[in-house]
Amino acid sequence: MPTGTRRRAREAALKVLYQMDVAGFRADEALAQYWTCFDVEAEGDEYAGELVRGIEQSVEDVDRAIRDASSRWRLERMTHVDRNVLRIGAFELLRCRDVPTAVVLDEAIELARRFGSEDSPSFVNGVLDKLARTSRPGDGGSEDTCT
């Protein structure tokens, strides 16, 4: 899958996760509404769906990893954007071994830059970098895809 396709998928996933966070929708409902309401390219739909459904299914593990890596910030006090950018990054670090660590961090920082506050990119970088050091020491992960 081309890099631009995954970037668009992550952006779509962020928007859907934000909707789930704010409105309380389930993944399939939020995804269906997103694809219906926005004129989006089909390219990347599958990966966006994998991210959103995967995060929904493993949100306790993902959130625990974020909490452990962000000891100074409670998850509930983070902005919706920062929290969901971190969820995407944490999920990819923990479950998507086919995505290199540097790519996960770069893409999360870019999402934070585009959709978050002025402080979001450095905050996201700090939390995900700490998580990467504990979850992927040496970045020697397998070639498994997201699970």
C-alpha atoms as a PDB file:
ATOM      1  CA  MET A   1       0.000   0.000   0.000  1.00  0.00           C
ATOM      2  CA  PRO A   2       1.531   3.382  -0.972  1.00  0.00           C
ATOM      3  CA  THR A   3       2.558   5.733   1.837  1.00  0.00           C
ATOM      4  CA  GLY A   4      -0.016   8.369   0.845  1.00  0.00           C
ATOM      5  CA  THR A   5      -2.762   5.779   1.088  1.00  0.00           C
ATOM      6  CA  ARG A   6      -1.889   4.874   4.665  1.00  0.00           C
ATOM      7  CA  ARG A   7      -1.552   8.552   5.545  1.00  0.00           C
ATOM      8  CA  ARG A   8      -5.102   9.179   4.271  1.00  0.00           C
ATOM      9  CA  ALA A   9      -6.274   6.078   6.152  1.00  0.00           C
ATOM     10  CA  ARG A  10      -4.757   7.348   9.408  1.00  0.00           C
ATOM     11  CA  GLU A  11      -6.396  10.734   8.895  1.00  0.00           C
ATOM     12  CA  ALA A  12      -9.762   9.061   8.290  1.00  0.00           C
ATOM     13  CA  ALA A  13      -9.227   6.841  11.339  1.00  0.00           C
ATOM     14  CA  LEU A  14      -8.481   9.912  13.472  1.00  0.00           C
ATOM     15  CA  LYS A  15     -11.698  11.582  12.362  1.00  0.00           C
ATOM     16  CA  VAL A  16     -13.737   8.444  13.020  1.00  0.00           C
ATOM     17  CA  LEU A  17     -12.114   7.858  16.430  1.00  0.00           C
ATOM     18  CA  TYR A  18     -12.775  11.490  17.327  1.00  0.00           C
ATOM     19  CA  GLN A  19     -16.437  10.971  16.414  1.00  0.00           C
ATOM     20  CA  MET A  20     -16.563   7.822  18.534  1.00  0.00           C
ATOM     21  CA  ASP A  21     -14.921   9.628  21.453  1.00  0.00           C
ATOM     22  CA  VAL A  22     -17.217  12.650  21.329  1.00  0.00           C
ATOM     23  CA  ALA A  23     -20.521  11.078  20.281  1.00  0.00           C
ATOM     24  CA  GLY A  24     -20.146   7.601  21.749  1.00  0.00           C
ATOM     25  CA  PHE A  25     -20.611   5.731  18.461  1.00  0.00           C
ATOM     26  CA  ARG A  26     -19.370   2.178  17.948  1.00  0.00           C
ATOM     27  CA  ALA A  27     -16.730   1.590  15.262  1.00  0.00           C
ATOM     28  CA  ASP A  28     -18.940   0.192  12.514  1.00  0.00           C
ATOM     29  CA  GLU A  29     -21.563   2.913  12.992  1.00  0.00           C
ATOM     30  CA  ALA A  30     -18.962   5.697  12.986  1.00  0.00           C
ATOM     31  CA  LEU A  31     -17.171   4.266   9.941  1.00  0.00           C
ATOM     32  CA  ALA A  32     -20.420   3.930   7.986  1.00  0.00           C
ATOM     33  CA  GLN A  33     -21.399   7.480   8.821  1.00  0.00           C
ATOM     34  CA  TYR A  34     -17.967   8.809   7.868  1.00  0.00           C
ATOM     35  CA  TRP A  35     -17.917   7.046   4.483  1.00  0.00           C
ATOM     36  CA  THR A  36     -21.497   8.193   3.785  1.00  0.00           C
ATOM     37  CA  CYS A  37     -21.090  11.836   4.818  1.00  0.00           C
ATOM     38  CA  PHE A  38     -17.701  12.602   3.326  1.00  0.00           C
ATOM     39  CA  ASP A  39     -16.613  12.323  -0.259  1.00  0.00           C
ATOM     40  CA  VAL A  40     -13.549  10.211   0.367  1.00  0.00           C
ATOM     41  CA  GLU A  41     -11.429   8.057  -1.883  1.00  0.00           C
ATOM     42  CA  ALA A  42     -11.876   4.315  -1.440  1.00  0.00           C
ATOM     43  CA  GLU A  43      -8.102   3.922  -1.309  1.00  0.00           C
ATOM     44  CA  GLY A  44      -7.119   3.326   2.297  1.00  0.00           C
ATOM     45  CA  ASP A  45     -10.628   2.461   3.515  1.00  0.00           C
ATOM     46  CA  GLU A  46      -9.531  -1.022   4.512  1.00  0.00           C
ATOM     47  CA  TYR A  47      -6.582   0.173   6.605  1.00  0.00           C
ATOM     48  CA  ALA A  48      -8.672   2.909   8.247  1.00  0.00           C
ATOM     49  CA  GLY A  49     -11.230   0.263   9.161  1.00  0.00           C
ATOM     50  CA  GLU A  50      -8.497  -2.027  10.532  1.00  0.00           C
ATOM     51  CA  LEU A  51      -7.209   0.791  12.719  1.00  0.00           C
ATOM     52  CA  VAL A  52     -10.602   1.879  14.035  1.00  0.00           C
ATOM     53  CA  ARG A  53     -11.918  -1.630  14.682  1.00  0.00           C
ATOM     54  CA  GLY A  54      -8.596  -2.771  16.126  1.00  0.00           C
ATOM     55  CA  ILE A  55      -8.454   0.170  18.503  1.00  0.00           C
ATOM     56  CA  GLU A  56     -12.053  -0.392  19.568  1.00  0.00           C
ATOM     57  CA  GLN A  57     -11.351  -4.079  20.276  1.00  0.00           C
ATOM     58  CA  SER A  58      -8.141  -3.420  22.195  1.00  0.00           C
ATOM     59  CA  VAL A  59      -8.796   0.019  23.663  1.00  0.00           C
ATOM     60  CA  GLU A  60      -8.052  -1.122  27.222  1.00  0.00           C
ATOM     61  CA  ASP A  61      -4.576  -2.383  26.251  1.00  0.00           C
ATOM     62  CA  VAL A  62      -3.893   0.637  24.036  1.00  0.00           C
ATOM     63  CA  ASP A  63      -5.013   3.105  26.700  1.00  0.00           C
ATOM     64  CA  ARG A  64      -2.998   1.289  29.390  1.00  0.00           C
ATOM     65  CA  ALA A  65       0.122   1.569  27.223  1.00  0.00           C
ATOM     66  CA  ILE A  66      -0.532   5.285  26.713  1.00  0.00           C
ATOM     67  CA  ARG A  67      -1.083   5.794  30.457  1.00  0.00           C
ATOM     68  CA  ASP A  68       2.168   3.983  31.251  1.00  0.00           C
ATOM     69  CA  ALA A  69       4.076   6.138  28.756  1.00  0.00           C
ATOM     70  CA  SER A  70       2.483   9.430  29.808  1.00  0.00           C
ATOM     71  CA  SER A  71       2.793   9.362  33.557  1.00  0.00           C
ATOM     72  CA  ARG A  72       2.329  13.129  33.862  1.00  0.00           C
ATOM     73  CA  TRP A  73      -0.926  13.284  31.883  1.00  0.00           C
ATOM     74  CA  ARG A  74      -4.135  11.427  32.621  1.00  0.00           C
ATOM     75  CA  LEU A  75      -5.711  10.038  29.468  1.00  0.00           C
ATOM     76  CA  GLU A  76      -9.067  11.562  30.377  1.00  0.00           C
ATOM     77  CA  ARG A  77      -7.526  15.059  30.532  1.00  0.00           C
ATOM     78  CA  MET A  78      -5.926  14.884  27.102  1.00  0.00           C
ATOM     79  CA  THR A  79      -7.660  16.616  24.218  1.00  0.00           C
ATOM     80  CA  HIS A  80      -9.765  14.360  21.995  1.00  0.00           C
ATOM     81  CA  VAL A  81      -7.322  14.882  19.137  1.00  0.00           C
ATOM     82  CA  ASP A  82      -4.188  14.095  21.144  1.00  0.00           C
ATOM     83  CA  ARG A  83      -5.789  11.061  22.785  1.00  0.00           C
ATOM     84  CA  ASN A  84      -6.870   9.585  19.461  1.00  0.00           C
ATOM     85  CA  VAL A  85      -3.609  10.348  17.654  1.00  0.00           C
ATOM     86  CA  LEU A  86      -1.888   8.532  20.513  1.00  0.00           C
ATOM     87  CA  ARG A  87      -4.321   5.623  20.192  1.00  0.00           C
ATOM     88  CA  ILE A  88      -3.501   5.241  16.503  1.00  0.00           C
ATOM     89  CA  GLY A  89       0.235   5.434  17.165  1.00  0.00           C
ATOM     90  CA  ALA A  90       0.099   3.110  20.160  1.00  0.00           C
ATOM     91  CA  PHE A  91      -2.017   0.574  18.282  1.00  0.00           C
ATOM     92  CA  GLU A  92       0.419   0.556  15.376  1.00  0.00           C
ATOM     93  CA  LEU A  93       3.395   0.196  17.721  1.00  0.00           C
ATOM     94  CA  LEU A  94       1.772  -2.636  19.641  1.00  0.00           C
ATOM     95  CA  ARG A  95      -0.059  -4.509  16.890  1.00  0.00           C
ATOM     96  CA  CYS A  96       1.212  -3.489  13.438  1.00  0.00           C
ATOM     97  CA  ARG A  97       4.730  -4.859  13.295  1.00  0.00           C
ATOM     98  CA  ASP A  98       4.835  -4.302   9.533  1.00  0.00           C
ATOM     99  CA  VAL A  99       4.888  -0.526  10.124  1.00  0.00           C
ATOM    100  CA  PRO A 100       8.381   0.659  11.108  1.00  0.00           C
ATOM    101  CA  THR A 101       8.668   2.570  14.373  1.00  0.00           C
ATOM    102  CA  ALA A 102       9.994   5.696  12.644  1.00  0.00           C
ATOM    103  CA  VAL A 103       6.972   5.724  10.333  1.00  0.00           C
ATOM    104  CA  VAL A 104       4.534   5.333  13.234  1.00  0.00           C
ATOM    105  CA  LEU A 105       6.124   8.266  15.070  1.00  0.00           C
ATOM    106  CA  ASP A 106       6.425  10.476  11.971  1.00  0.00           C
ATOM    107  CA  GLU A 107       2.821   9.884  10.935  1.00  0.00           C
ATOM    108  CA  ALA A 108       1.467  10.492  14.444  1.00  0.00           C
ATOM    109  CA  ILE A 109       3.446  13.715  14.748  1.00  0.00           C
ATOM    110  CA  GLU A 110       2.120  14.872  11.371  1.00  0.00           C
ATOM    111  CA  LEU A 111      -1.473  14.138  12.450  1.00  0.00           C
ATOM    112  CA  ALA A 112      -0.866  16.054  15.677  1.00  0.00           C
ATOM    113  CA  ARG A 113       0.597  18.962  13.707  1.00  0.00           C
ATOM    114  CA  ARG A 114      -2.366  19.088  11.309  1.00  0.00           C
ATOM    115  CA  PHE A 115      -5.207  18.559  13.762  1.00  0.00           C
ATOM    116  CA  GLY A 116      -3.908  19.281  17.254  1.00  0.00           C
ATOM    117  CA  SER A 117      -2.694  22.285  19.178  1.00  0.00           C
ATOM    118  CA  GLU A 118       0.680  23.983  18.938  1.00  0.00           C
ATOM    119  CA  ASP A 119       2.004  21.683  21.686  1.00  0.00           C
ATOM    120  CA  SER A 120       0.499  18.472  20.282  1.00  0.00           C
ATOM    121  CA  PRO A 121       3.389  17.352  18.045  1.00  0.00           C
ATOM    122  CA  SER A 122       5.993  17.417  20.827  1.00  0.00           C
ATOM    123  CA  PHE A 123       3.571  15.835  23.323  1.00  0.00           C
ATOM    124  CA  VAL A 124       2.674  13.002  20.924  1.00  0.00           C
ATOM    125  CA  ASN A 125       6.335  12.486  20.043  1.00  0.00           C
ATOM    126  CA  GLY A 126       7.356  12.225  23.703  1.00  0.00           C
ATOM    127  CA  VAL A 127       4.655   9.726  24.643  1.00  0.00           C
ATOM    128  CA  LEU A 128       5.031   7.515  21.579  1.00  0.00           C
ATOM    129  CA  ASP A 129       8.825   7.592  21.713  1.00  0.00           C
ATOM    130  CA  LYS A 130       8.701   6.313  25.303  1.00  0.00           C
ATOM    131  CA  LEU A 131       6.164   3.652  24.323  1.00  0.00           C
ATOM    132  CA  ALA A 132       8.277   2.600  21.328  1.00  0.00           C
ATOM    133  CA  ARG A 133      11.352   2.139  23.519  1.00  0.00           C
ATOM    134  CA  THR A 134       9.440  -0.251  25.784  1.00  0.00           C
ATOM    135  CA  SER A 135       7.291  -2.049  23.210  1.00  0.00           C
ATOM    136  CA  ARG A 136       9.798  -2.305  20.362  1.00  0.00           C
ATOM    137  CA  PRO A 137      13.306  -2.378  21.780  1.00  0.00           C
ATOM    138  CA  GLY A 138      15.668  -2.469  18.823  1.00  0.00           C
ATOM    139  CA  ASP A 139      12.653  -2.321  16.472  1.00  0.00           C
ATOM    140  CA  GLY A 140      13.138  -5.975  15.681  1.00  0.00           C
ATOM    141  CA  GLY A 141       9.457  -6.769  15.251  1.00  0.00           C
ATOM    142  CA  SER A 142       8.077  -9.470  13.023  1.00  0.00           C
ATOM    143  CA  GLU A 143       6.421  -8.868   9.693  1.00  0.00           C
ATOM    144  CA  ASP A 144       2.920  -9.512  11.053  1.00  0.00           C
ATOM    145  CA  THR A 145       0.223  -7.101  10.008  1.00  0.00           C
ATOM    146  CA  CYS A 146      -2.183  -5.415  12.407  1.00  0.00           C
ATOM    147  CA  THR A 147      -4.005  -7.859  14.652  1.00  0.00           C
END
